[in-house]
Amino acid sequence: MYVEEVCIDGFKSYAQRTVVPQFDQYFNAITGLNGSGKSNILDSICFVLGITNLSQVKLCTFVSL
């Protein structure tokens, strides 16, 4: 299972509908300026999946690189 697209609407810093398309099956990088909502993309995916302990997810993501 992998993410193909993220559609965020009314979540944290994404008050208006925002679509992040074309996720690669193996590797993705979210880049941007400080305060642009990069971490909120991971938070929104975890929210949908029901993951509440984000520190473990971010640690595993870093280690797997």
PDB file of N, CA and C in Angstrom:
ATOM      1  N   MET A   1       0.840  -1.173   0.000  1.00  0.00           N
ATOM      2  CA  MET A   1       0.000   0.000   0.000  1.00  0.00           C
ATOM      3  C   MET A   1       0.888   1.240   0.000  1.00  0.00           C
ATOM      4  N   TYR A   2       0.536   2.235  -0.807  1.00  0.00           N
ATOM      5  CA  TYR A   2       1.272   3.481  -0.808  1.00  0.00           C
ATOM      6  C   TYR A   2       0.317   4.635  -1.124  1.00  0.00           C
ATOM      7  N   VAL A   3       0.724   5.828  -0.773  1.00  0.00           N
ATOM      8  CA  VAL A   3      -0.079   7.030  -0.979  1.00  0.00           C
ATOM      9  C   VAL A   3       0.124   7.514  -2.412  1.00  0.00           C
ATOM     10  N   GLU A   4      -0.968   7.742  -3.119  1.00  0.00           N
ATOM     11  CA  GLU A   4      -0.889   8.277  -4.479  1.00  0.00           C
ATOM     12  C   GLU A   4      -1.088   9.785  -4.496  1.00  0.00           C
ATOM     13  N   GLU A   5      -1.932  10.290  -3.582  1.00  0.00           N
ATOM     14  CA  GLU A   5      -2.279  11.710  -3.574  1.00  0.00           C
ATOM     15  C   GLU A   5      -2.809  12.071  -2.189  1.00  0.00           C
ATOM     16  N   VAL A   6      -2.558  13.300  -1.767  1.00  0.00           N
ATOM     17  CA  VAL A   6      -3.095  13.790  -0.507  1.00  0.00           C
ATOM     18  C   VAL A   6      -3.944  15.022  -0.808  1.00  0.00           C
ATOM     19  N   CYS A   7      -5.152  15.017  -0.314  1.00  0.00           N
ATOM     20  CA  CYS A   7      -6.069  16.139  -0.482  1.00  0.00           C
ATOM     21  C   CYS A   7      -6.418  16.653   0.913  1.00  0.00           C
ATOM     22  N   ILE A   8      -5.942  17.856   1.253  1.00  0.00           N
ATOM     23  CA  ILE A   8      -6.110  18.417   2.593  1.00  0.00           C
ATOM     24  C   ILE A   8      -7.074  19.589   2.510  1.00  0.00           C
ATOM     25  N   ASP A   9      -8.097  19.569   3.355  1.00  0.00           N
ATOM     26  CA  ASP A   9      -9.098  20.633   3.345  1.00  0.00           C
ATOM     27  C   ASP A   9      -9.514  20.938   4.785  1.00  0.00           C
ATOM     28  N   GLY A  10      -9.131  22.107   5.279  1.00  0.00           N
ATOM     29  CA  GLY A  10      -9.506  22.508   6.629  1.00  0.00           C
ATOM     30  C   GLY A  10      -8.726  21.818   7.729  1.00  0.00           C
ATOM     31  N   PHE A  11      -7.498  21.440   7.473  1.00  0.00           N
ATOM     32  CA  PHE A  11      -6.664  20.764   8.469  1.00  0.00           C
ATOM     33  C   PHE A  11      -5.439  21.617   8.754  1.00  0.00           C
ATOM     34  N   LYS A  12      -5.301  22.048   9.993  1.00  0.00           N
ATOM     35  CA  LYS A  12      -4.175  22.857  10.460  1.00  0.00           C
ATOM     36  C   LYS A  12      -3.942  24.067   9.561  1.00  0.00           C
ATOM     37  N   SER A  13      -2.769  24.173   8.928  1.00  0.00           N
ATOM     38  CA  SER A  13      -2.450  25.368   8.134  1.00  0.00           C
ATOM     39  C   SER A  13      -3.074  25.335   6.741  1.00  0.00           C
ATOM     40  N   TYR A  14      -3.821  24.289   6.420  1.00  0.00           N
ATOM     41  CA  TYR A  14      -4.458  24.177   5.104  1.00  0.00           C
ATOM     42  C   TYR A  14      -5.957  24.449   5.224  1.00  0.00           C
ATOM     43  N   ALA A  15      -6.307  25.710   5.401  1.00  0.00           N
ATOM     44  CA  ALA A  15      -7.720  26.087   5.546  1.00  0.00           C
ATOM     45  C   ALA A  15      -8.473  25.859   4.234  1.00  0.00           C
ATOM     46  N   GLN A  16      -7.823  26.138   3.121  1.00  0.00           N
ATOM     47  CA  GLN A  16      -8.449  25.903   1.820  1.00  0.00           C
ATOM     48  C   GLN A  16      -7.960  24.579   1.255  1.00  0.00           C
ATOM     49  N   ARG A  17      -8.763  23.997   0.404  1.00  0.00           N
ATOM     50  CA  ARG A  17      -8.447  22.688  -0.184  1.00  0.00           C
ATOM     51  C   ARG A  17      -7.104  22.752  -0.929  1.00  0.00           C
ATOM     52  N   THR A  18      -6.207  21.838  -0.552  1.00  0.00           N
ATOM     53  CA  THR A  18      -4.886  21.736  -1.166  1.00  0.00           C
ATOM     54  C   THR A  18      -4.650  20.289  -1.569  1.00  0.00           C
ATOM     55  N   VAL A  19      -4.211  20.069  -2.785  1.00  0.00           N
ATOM     56  CA  VAL A  19      -3.945  18.715  -3.278  1.00  0.00           C
ATOM     57  C   VAL A  19      -2.449  18.572  -3.528  1.00  0.00           C
ATOM     58  N   VAL A  20      -1.876  17.519  -2.968  1.00  0.00           N
ATOM     59  CA  VAL A  20      -0.473  17.182  -3.211  1.00  0.00           C
ATOM     60  C   VAL A  20      -0.488  15.908  -4.060  1.00  0.00           C
ATOM     61  N   PRO A  21      -0.310  16.063  -5.373  1.00  0.00           N
ATOM     62  CA  PRO A  21      -0.458  14.904  -6.277  1.00  0.00           C
ATOM     63  C   PRO A  21       0.854  14.172  -6.529  1.00  0.00           C
ATOM     64  N   GLN A  22       0.722  13.055  -7.176  1.00  0.00           N
ATOM     65  CA  GLN A  22       1.831  12.289  -7.742  1.00  0.00           C
ATOM     66  C   GLN A  22       2.910  11.893  -6.738  1.00  0.00           C
ATOM     67  N   PHE A  23       2.515  11.224  -5.670  1.00  0.00           N
ATOM     68  CA  PHE A  23       3.495  10.648  -4.762  1.00  0.00           C
ATOM     69  C   PHE A  23       4.149   9.463  -5.447  1.00  0.00           C
ATOM     70  N   ASP A  24       5.448   9.332  -5.290  1.00  0.00           N
ATOM     71  CA  ASP A  24       6.170   8.190  -5.826  1.00  0.00           C
ATOM     72  C   ASP A  24       5.984   7.005  -4.890  1.00  0.00           C
ATOM     73  N   GLN A  25       6.008   5.815  -5.413  1.00  0.00           N
ATOM     74  CA  GLN A  25       5.806   4.622  -4.600  1.00  0.00           C
ATOM     75  C   GLN A  25       6.962   4.376  -3.631  1.00  0.00           C
ATOM     76  N   TYR A  26       8.167   4.848  -3.955  1.00  0.00           N
ATOM     77  CA  TYR A  26       9.338   4.505  -3.157  1.00  0.00           C
ATOM     78  C   TYR A  26       9.978   5.664  -2.399  1.00  0.00           C
ATOM     79  N   PHE A  27       9.935   6.871  -2.945  1.00  0.00           N
ATOM     80  CA  PHE A  27      10.632   7.967  -2.284  1.00  0.00           C
ATOM     81  C   PHE A  27       9.928   9.282  -2.572  1.00  0.00           C
ATOM     82  N   ASN A  28       9.746  10.101  -1.524  1.00  0.00           N
ATOM     83  CA  ASN A  28       9.147  11.423  -1.663  1.00  0.00           C
ATOM     84  C   ASN A  28       9.828  12.382  -0.705  1.00  0.00           C
ATOM     85  N   ALA A  29       9.879  13.644  -1.103  1.00  0.00           N
ATOM     86  CA  ALA A  29      10.438  14.687  -0.244  1.00  0.00           C
ATOM     87  C   ALA A  29       9.507  15.890  -0.296  1.00  0.00           C
ATOM     88  N   ILE A  30       9.150  16.388   0.876  1.00  0.00           N
ATOM     89  CA  ILE A  30       8.329  17.592   0.975  1.00  0.00           C
ATOM     90  C   ILE A  30       9.271  18.724   1.372  1.00  0.00           C
ATOM     91  N   THR A  31       9.390  19.733   0.523  1.00  0.00           N
ATOM     92  CA  THR A  31      10.291  20.845   0.799  1.00  0.00           C
ATOM     93  C   THR A  31       9.522  22.151   0.792  1.00  0.00           C
ATOM     94  N   GLY A  32      10.087  23.152   1.444  1.00  0.00           N
ATOM     95  CA  GLY A  32       9.461  24.474   1.460  1.00  0.00           C
ATOM     96  C   GLY A  32      10.056  25.336   2.548  1.00  0.00           C
ATOM     97  N   LEU A  33       9.599  26.553   2.594  1.00  0.00           N
ATOM     98  CA  LEU A  33      10.078  27.507   3.586  1.00  0.00           C
ATOM     99  C   LEU A  33       9.579  27.150   4.979  1.00  0.00           C
ATOM    100  N   ASN A  34      10.255  27.687   5.997  1.00  0.00           N
ATOM    101  CA  ASN A  34       9.792  27.499   7.370  1.00  0.00           C
ATOM    102  C   ASN A  34       8.388  28.059   7.507  1.00  0.00           C
ATOM    103  N   GLY A  35       7.531  27.293   8.161  1.00  0.00           N
ATOM    104  CA  GLY A  35       6.164  27.743   8.390  1.00  0.00           C
ATOM    105  C   GLY A  35       5.224  27.520   7.222  1.00  0.00           C
ATOM    106  N   SER A  36       5.670  26.795   6.200  1.00  0.00           N
ATOM    107  CA  SER A  36       4.812  26.587   5.027  1.00  0.00           C
ATOM    108  C   SER A  36       3.889  25.381   5.165  1.00  0.00           C
ATOM    109  N   GLY A  37       4.031  24.589   6.237  1.00  0.00           N
ATOM    110  CA  GLY A  37       3.125  23.469   6.483  1.00  0.00           C
ATOM    111  C   GLY A  37       3.637  22.118   6.038  1.00  0.00           C
ATOM    112  N   LYS A  38       4.944  21.971   5.921  1.00  0.00           N
ATOM    113  CA  LYS A  38       5.520  20.694   5.482  1.00  0.00           C
ATOM    114  C   LYS A  38       5.149  19.561   6.435  1.00  0.00           C
ATOM    115  N   SER A  39       5.342  19.760   7.715  1.00  0.00           N
ATOM    116  CA  SER A  39       5.048  18.695   8.679  1.00  0.00           C
ATOM    117  C   SER A  39       3.561  18.411   8.778  1.00  0.00           C
ATOM    118  N   ASN A  40       2.725  19.374   8.410  1.00  0.00           N
ATOM    119  CA  ASN A  40       1.278  19.156   8.452  1.00  0.00           C
ATOM    120  C   ASN A  40       0.823  18.152   7.403  1.00  0.00           C
ATOM    121  N   ILE A  41       1.603  17.958   6.351  1.00  0.00           N
ATOM    122  CA  ILE A  41       1.263  16.935   5.361  1.00  0.00           C
ATOM    123  C   ILE A  41       1.393  15.554   5.987  1.00  0.00           C
ATOM    124  N   LEU A  42       2.498  15.298   6.690  1.00  0.00           N
ATOM    125  CA  LEU A  42       2.660  14.026   7.394  1.00  0.00           C
ATOM    126  C   LEU A  42       1.609  13.890   8.490  1.00  0.00           C
ATOM    127  N   ASP A  43       1.330  14.965   9.214  1.00  0.00           N
ATOM    128  CA  ASP A  43       0.316  14.931  10.256  1.00  0.00           C
ATOM    129  C   ASP A  43      -1.051  14.552   9.695  1.00  0.00           C
ATOM    130  N   SER A  44      -1.386  15.058   8.516  1.00  0.00           N
ATOM    131  CA  SER A  44      -2.695  14.751   7.936  1.00  0.00           C
ATOM    132  C   SER A  44      -2.783  13.279   7.525  1.00  0.00           C
ATOM    133  N   ILE A  45      -1.701  12.728   6.995  1.00  0.00           N
ATOM    134  CA  ILE A  45      -1.695  11.309   6.632  1.00  0.00           C
ATOM    135  C   ILE A  45      -1.849  10.447   7.883  1.00  0.00           C
ATOM    136  N   CYS A  46      -1.123  10.787   8.937  1.00  0.00           N
ATOM    137  CA  CYS A  46      -1.218  10.036  10.190  1.00  0.00           C
ATOM    138  C   CYS A  46      -2.611  10.157  10.809  1.00  0.00           C
ATOM    139  N   PHE A  47      -3.227  11.334  10.705  1.00  0.00           N
ATOM    140  CA  PHE A  47      -4.572  11.545  11.227  1.00  0.00           C
ATOM    141  C   PHE A  47      -5.568  10.600  10.558  1.00  0.00           C
ATOM    142  N   VAL A  48      -5.484  10.491   9.249  1.00  0.00           N
ATOM    143  CA  VAL A  48      -6.397   9.612   8.510  1.00  0.00           C
ATOM    144  C   VAL A  48      -6.161   8.148   8.865  1.00  0.00           C
ATOM    145  N   LEU A  49      -4.907   7.771   9.069  1.00  0.00           N
ATOM    146  CA  LEU A  49      -4.572   6.386   9.400  1.00  0.00           C
ATOM    147  C   LEU A  49      -4.788   6.057  10.871  1.00  0.00           C
ATOM    148  N   GLY A  50      -5.083   7.075  11.691  1.00  0.00           N
ATOM    149  CA  GLY A  50      -5.334   6.846  13.114  1.00  0.00           C
ATOM    150  C   GLY A  50      -4.074   6.738  13.949  1.00  0.00           C
ATOM    151  N   ILE A  51      -2.955   7.239  13.454  1.00  0.00           N
ATOM    152  CA  ILE A  51      -1.694   7.193  14.191  1.00  0.00           C
ATOM    153  C   ILE A  51      -1.640   8.411  15.107  1.00  0.00           C
ATOM    154  N   THR A  52      -1.458   8.162  16.407  1.00  0.00           N
ATOM    155  CA  THR A  52      -1.466   9.263  17.365  1.00  0.00           C
ATOM    156  C   THR A  52      -0.086   9.641  17.883  1.00  0.00           C
ATOM    157  N   ASN A  53       0.864   8.722  17.849  1.00  0.00           N
ATOM    158  CA  ASN A  53       2.204   9.000  18.345  1.00  0.00           C
ATOM    159  C   ASN A  53       3.106   9.371  17.173  1.00  0.00           C
ATOM    160  N   LEU A  54       3.115  10.649  16.807  1.00  0.00           N
ATOM    161  CA  LEU A  54       3.853  11.099  15.630  1.00  0.00           C
ATOM    162  C   LEU A  54       5.362  11.050  15.809  1.00  0.00           C
ATOM    163  N   SER A  55       5.853  11.077  17.048  1.00  0.00           N
ATOM    164  CA  SER A  55       7.302  11.052  17.257  1.00  0.00           C
ATOM    165  C   SER A  55       7.904   9.740  16.755  1.00  0.00           C
ATOM    166  N   GLN A  56       7.201   8.628  16.925  1.00  0.00           N
ATOM    167  CA  GLN A  56       7.703   7.350  16.428  1.00  0.00           C
ATOM    168  C   GLN A  56       7.685   7.298  14.908  1.00  0.00           C
ATOM    169  N   VAL A  57       6.670   7.878  14.293  1.00  0.00           N
ATOM    170  CA  VAL A  57       6.567   7.869  12.834  1.00  0.00           C
ATOM    171  C   VAL A  57       7.689   8.684  12.224  1.00  0.00           C
ATOM    172  N   LYS A  58       7.935   9.876  12.754  1.00  0.00           N
ATOM    173  CA  LYS A  58       8.988  10.729  12.215  1.00  0.00           C
ATOM    174  C   LYS A  58      10.357  10.109  12.444  1.00  0.00           C
ATOM    175  N   LEU A  59      10.564   9.456  13.575  1.00  0.00           N
ATOM    176  CA  LEU A  59      11.833   8.802  13.848  1.00  0.00           C
ATOM    177  C   LEU A  59      12.056   7.659  12.871  1.00  0.00           C
ATOM    178  N   CYS A  60      11.034   6.846  12.631  1.00  0.00           N
ATOM    179  CA  CYS A  60      11.172   5.734  11.696  1.00  0.00           C
ATOM    180  C   CYS A  60      11.400   6.225  10.285  1.00  0.00           C
ATOM    181  N   THR A  61      10.769   7.310   9.900  1.00  0.00           N
ATOM    182  CA  THR A  61      10.954   7.862   8.571  1.00  0.00           C
ATOM    183  C   THR A  61      12.397   8.315   8.394  1.00  0.00           C
ATOM    184  N   PHE A  62      12.954   8.960   9.410  1.00  0.00           N
ATOM    185  CA  PHE A  62      14.324   9.439   9.341  1.00  0.00           C
ATOM    186  C   PHE A  62      15.306   8.266   9.271  1.00  0.00           C
ATOM    187  N   VAL A  63      15.069   7.250  10.101  1.00  0.00           N
ATOM    188  CA  VAL A  63      15.974   6.116  10.163  1.00  0.00           C
ATOM    189  C   VAL A  63      15.947   5.322   8.866  1.00  0.00           C
ATOM    190  N   SER A  64      14.783   5.227   8.202  1.00  0.00           N
ATOM    191  CA  SER A  64      14.688   4.404   7.006  1.00  0.00           C
ATOM    192  C   SER A  64      15.385   5.038   5.811  1.00  0.00           C
ATOM    193  N   LEU A  65      15.732   6.330   5.880  1.00  0.00           N
ATOM    194  CA  LEU A  65      16.448   6.955   4.776  1.00  0.00           C
ATOM    195  C   LEU A  65      17.849   6.445   4.749  1.00  0.00           C
TER     196      LEU A  65
END
